[in-house]
Amino acid sequence: MTIEVVGDGCIKCKDLRIRVQQAVYELNLPAKVTSVMDLEQLTHLKALSLPQLVIDGTIFSARGLLSVAEIKAVLQRVEAQNAGPLLKQRS
C-alpha cells in the first residue's frame, strides 16, 4: 500500500502526515507513507485543495484533516478491498 500526503508543507499537511503515520503504526500495516510537495506532481494529481490523502493513487480525502480514527477506517476499508477473496476465505 502506498500512501501519499499531498500538500505544500503547511502545518495541516504536516499534521495529516503525522496522523497517517500513527494510523499505519496502530494498524501494523506494511505501507509506505510519503509527502508530495512538488508543484508538478500537485498539478498532475489535480490537487485543488490541500492537504489530500491519496492511497494507491486514489484520493480519499480532500477536505483537510482527518482524525486518526477516520484514517484507520479508510485504511481498513482499502486493505479489505485489496484482500478481496483472501479475506472472504478466512471468514
C-alpha atoms as a PDB file:
ATOM      1  CA  MET A   1       0.000   0.000   0.000  1.00  0.00           C
ATOM      2  CA  THR A   2       1.343   3.402  -0.961  1.00  0.00           C
ATOM      3  CA  ILE A   3       0.054   6.398   0.955  1.00  0.00           C
ATOM      4  CA  GLU A   4       0.731   9.965  -0.142  1.00  0.00           C
ATOM      5  CA  VAL A   5       0.013  13.107   1.816  1.00  0.00           C
ATOM      6  CA  VAL A   6      -0.358  15.752  -0.869  1.00  0.00           C
ATOM      7  CA  GLY A   7       0.295  19.301   0.216  1.00  0.00           C
ATOM      8  CA  ASP A   8       2.523  22.314   0.194  1.00  0.00           C
ATOM      9  CA  GLY A   9       4.266  21.698   3.511  1.00  0.00           C
ATOM     10  CA  CYS A  10       1.824  23.725   5.610  1.00  0.00           C
ATOM     11  CA  ILE A  11       1.062  22.826   9.211  1.00  0.00           C
ATOM     12  CA  LYS A  12      -2.149  20.993   8.218  1.00  0.00           C
ATOM     13  CA  CYS A  13      -0.200  18.882   5.739  1.00  0.00           C
ATOM     14  CA  LYS A  14       2.360  18.007   8.397  1.00  0.00           C
ATOM     15  CA  ASP A  15      -0.405  17.184  10.892  1.00  0.00           C
ATOM     16  CA  LEU A  16      -2.099  14.885   8.376  1.00  0.00           C
ATOM     17  CA  ARG A  17       1.163  13.049   7.727  1.00  0.00           C
ATOM     18  CA  ILE A  18       1.700  12.532  11.473  1.00  0.00           C
ATOM     19  CA  ARG A  19      -1.850  11.217  11.840  1.00  0.00           C
ATOM     20  CA  VAL A  20      -1.434   8.887   8.852  1.00  0.00           C
ATOM     21  CA  GLN A  21       1.828   7.531  10.256  1.00  0.00           C
ATOM     22  CA  GLN A  22       0.122   6.966  13.627  1.00  0.00           C
ATOM     23  CA  ALA A  23      -2.776   5.108  11.981  1.00  0.00           C
ATOM     24  CA  VAL A  24      -0.408   2.934   9.937  1.00  0.00           C
ATOM     25  CA  TYR A  25       1.575   2.146  13.091  1.00  0.00           C
ATOM     26  CA  GLU A  26      -1.533   1.305  15.144  1.00  0.00           C
ATOM     27  CA  LEU A  27      -2.854  -0.984  12.390  1.00  0.00           C
ATOM     28  CA  ASN A  28       0.606  -2.509  11.824  1.00  0.00           C
ATOM     29  CA  LEU A  29       0.220  -2.077   8.062  1.00  0.00           C
ATOM     30  CA  PRO A  30       3.034  -2.614   5.575  1.00  0.00           C
ATOM     31  CA  ALA A  31       2.593   0.796   3.989  1.00  0.00           C
ATOM     32  CA  LYS A  32       4.915   3.432   2.607  1.00  0.00           C
ATOM     33  CA  VAL A  33       3.943   6.979   3.635  1.00  0.00           C
ATOM     34  CA  THR A  34       5.342   9.847   1.576  1.00  0.00           C
ATOM     35  CA  SER A  35       4.722  13.551   1.200  1.00  0.00           C
ATOM     36  CA  VAL A  36       4.091  15.062  -2.217  1.00  0.00           C
ATOM     37  CA  MET A  37       5.007  18.735  -2.341  1.00  0.00           C
ATOM     38  CA  ASP A  38       6.348  19.121  -5.871  1.00  0.00           C
ATOM     39  CA  LEU A  39       4.278  21.623  -7.872  1.00  0.00           C
ATOM     40  CA  GLU A  40       4.393  19.440 -10.976  1.00  0.00           C
ATOM     41  CA  GLN A  41       3.093  16.427  -9.031  1.00  0.00           C
ATOM     42  CA  LEU A  42       0.412  18.553  -7.364  1.00  0.00           C
ATOM     43  CA  THR A  43      -0.756  19.607 -10.823  1.00  0.00           C
ATOM     44  CA  HIS A  44      -0.682  16.020 -12.093  1.00  0.00           C
ATOM     45  CA  LEU A  45      -2.819  14.895  -9.124  1.00  0.00           C
ATOM     46  CA  LYS A  46      -5.195  17.817  -9.753  1.00  0.00           C
ATOM     47  CA  ALA A  47      -4.817  18.883  -6.133  1.00  0.00           C
ATOM     48  CA  LEU A  48      -7.303  21.711  -5.830  1.00  0.00           C
ATOM     49  CA  SER A  49      -7.463  21.726  -2.042  1.00  0.00           C
ATOM     50  CA  LEU A  50      -4.760  20.737   0.404  1.00  0.00           C
ATOM     51  CA  PRO A  51      -3.931  18.537   2.141  1.00  0.00           C
ATOM     52  CA  GLN A  52      -5.125  15.421   0.353  1.00  0.00           C
ATOM     53  CA  LEU A  53      -4.825  11.798   1.382  1.00  0.00           C
ATOM     54  CA  VAL A  54      -4.045   9.569  -1.602  1.00  0.00           C
ATOM     55  CA  ILE A  55      -3.896   5.794  -1.189  1.00  0.00           C
ATOM     56  CA  ASP A  56      -2.652   3.650  -4.064  1.00  0.00           C
ATOM     57  CA  GLY A  57      -3.370   6.508  -6.475  1.00  0.00           C
ATOM     58  CA  THR A  58      -6.942   7.185  -5.293  1.00  0.00           C
ATOM     59  CA  ILE A  59      -7.878  10.391  -3.453  1.00  0.00           C
ATOM     60  CA  PHE A  60      -9.630   9.544  -0.189  1.00  0.00           C
ATOM     61  CA  SER A  61      -9.763  12.955   1.400  1.00  0.00           C
ATOM     62  CA  ALA A  62      -9.530  16.434   0.028  1.00  0.00           C
ATOM     63  CA  ARG A  63     -11.325  18.185   2.827  1.00  0.00           C
ATOM     64  CA  GLY A  64      -8.462  18.750   5.209  1.00  0.00           C
ATOM     65  CA  LEU A  65      -7.576  17.000   8.413  1.00  0.00           C
ATOM     66  CA  LEU A  66      -8.937  13.592   9.264  1.00  0.00           C
ATOM     67  CA  SER A  67      -8.671  12.149  12.751  1.00  0.00           C
ATOM     68  CA  VAL A  68      -6.509   9.083  13.370  1.00  0.00           C
ATOM     69  CA  ALA A  69      -9.714   7.050  13.785  1.00  0.00           C
ATOM     70  CA  GLU A  70     -11.056   8.265  10.422  1.00  0.00           C
ATOM     71  CA  ILE A  71      -7.752   7.466   8.719  1.00  0.00           C
ATOM     72  CA  LYS A  72      -7.719   3.998  10.277  1.00  0.00           C
ATOM     73  CA  ALA A  73     -11.242   3.375   8.980  1.00  0.00           C
ATOM     74  CA  VAL A  74     -10.193   4.384   5.461  1.00  0.00           C
ATOM     75  CA  LEU A  75      -7.047   2.241   5.617  1.00  0.00           C
ATOM     76  CA  GLN A  76      -9.005  -0.774   6.867  1.00  0.00           C
ATOM     77  CA  ARG A  77     -11.550  -0.340   4.064  1.00  0.00           C
ATOM     78  CA  VAL A  78      -8.774  -0.168   1.455  1.00  0.00           C
ATOM     79  CA  GLU A  79      -6.983  -3.143   2.998  1.00  0.00           C
ATOM     80  CA  ALA A  80     -10.206  -5.183   2.915  1.00  0.00           C
ATOM     81  CA  GLN A  81     -10.833  -4.265  -0.728  1.00  0.00           C
ATOM     82  CA  ASN A  82      -7.261  -5.182  -1.659  1.00  0.00           C
ATOM     83  CA  ALA A  83      -7.544  -8.531   0.134  1.00  0.00           C
ATOM     84  CA  GLY A  84     -10.589  -9.476  -1.930  1.00  0.00           C
ATOM     85  CA  PRO A  85     -11.205 -13.242  -1.990  1.00  0.00           C
ATOM     86  CA  LEU A  86      -8.483 -13.961   0.576  1.00  0.00           C
ATOM     87  CA  LEU A  87     -10.400 -12.057   3.228  1.00  0.00           C
ATOM     88  CA  LYS A  88     -13.586 -13.989   2.421  1.00  0.00           C
ATOM     89  CA  GLN A  89     -11.750 -17.343   2.684  1.00  0.00           C
ATOM     90  CA  ARG A  90     -10.637 -16.549   6.229  1.00  0.00           C
ATOM     91  CA  SER A  91     -14.224 -15.949   7.392  1.00  0.00           C
END
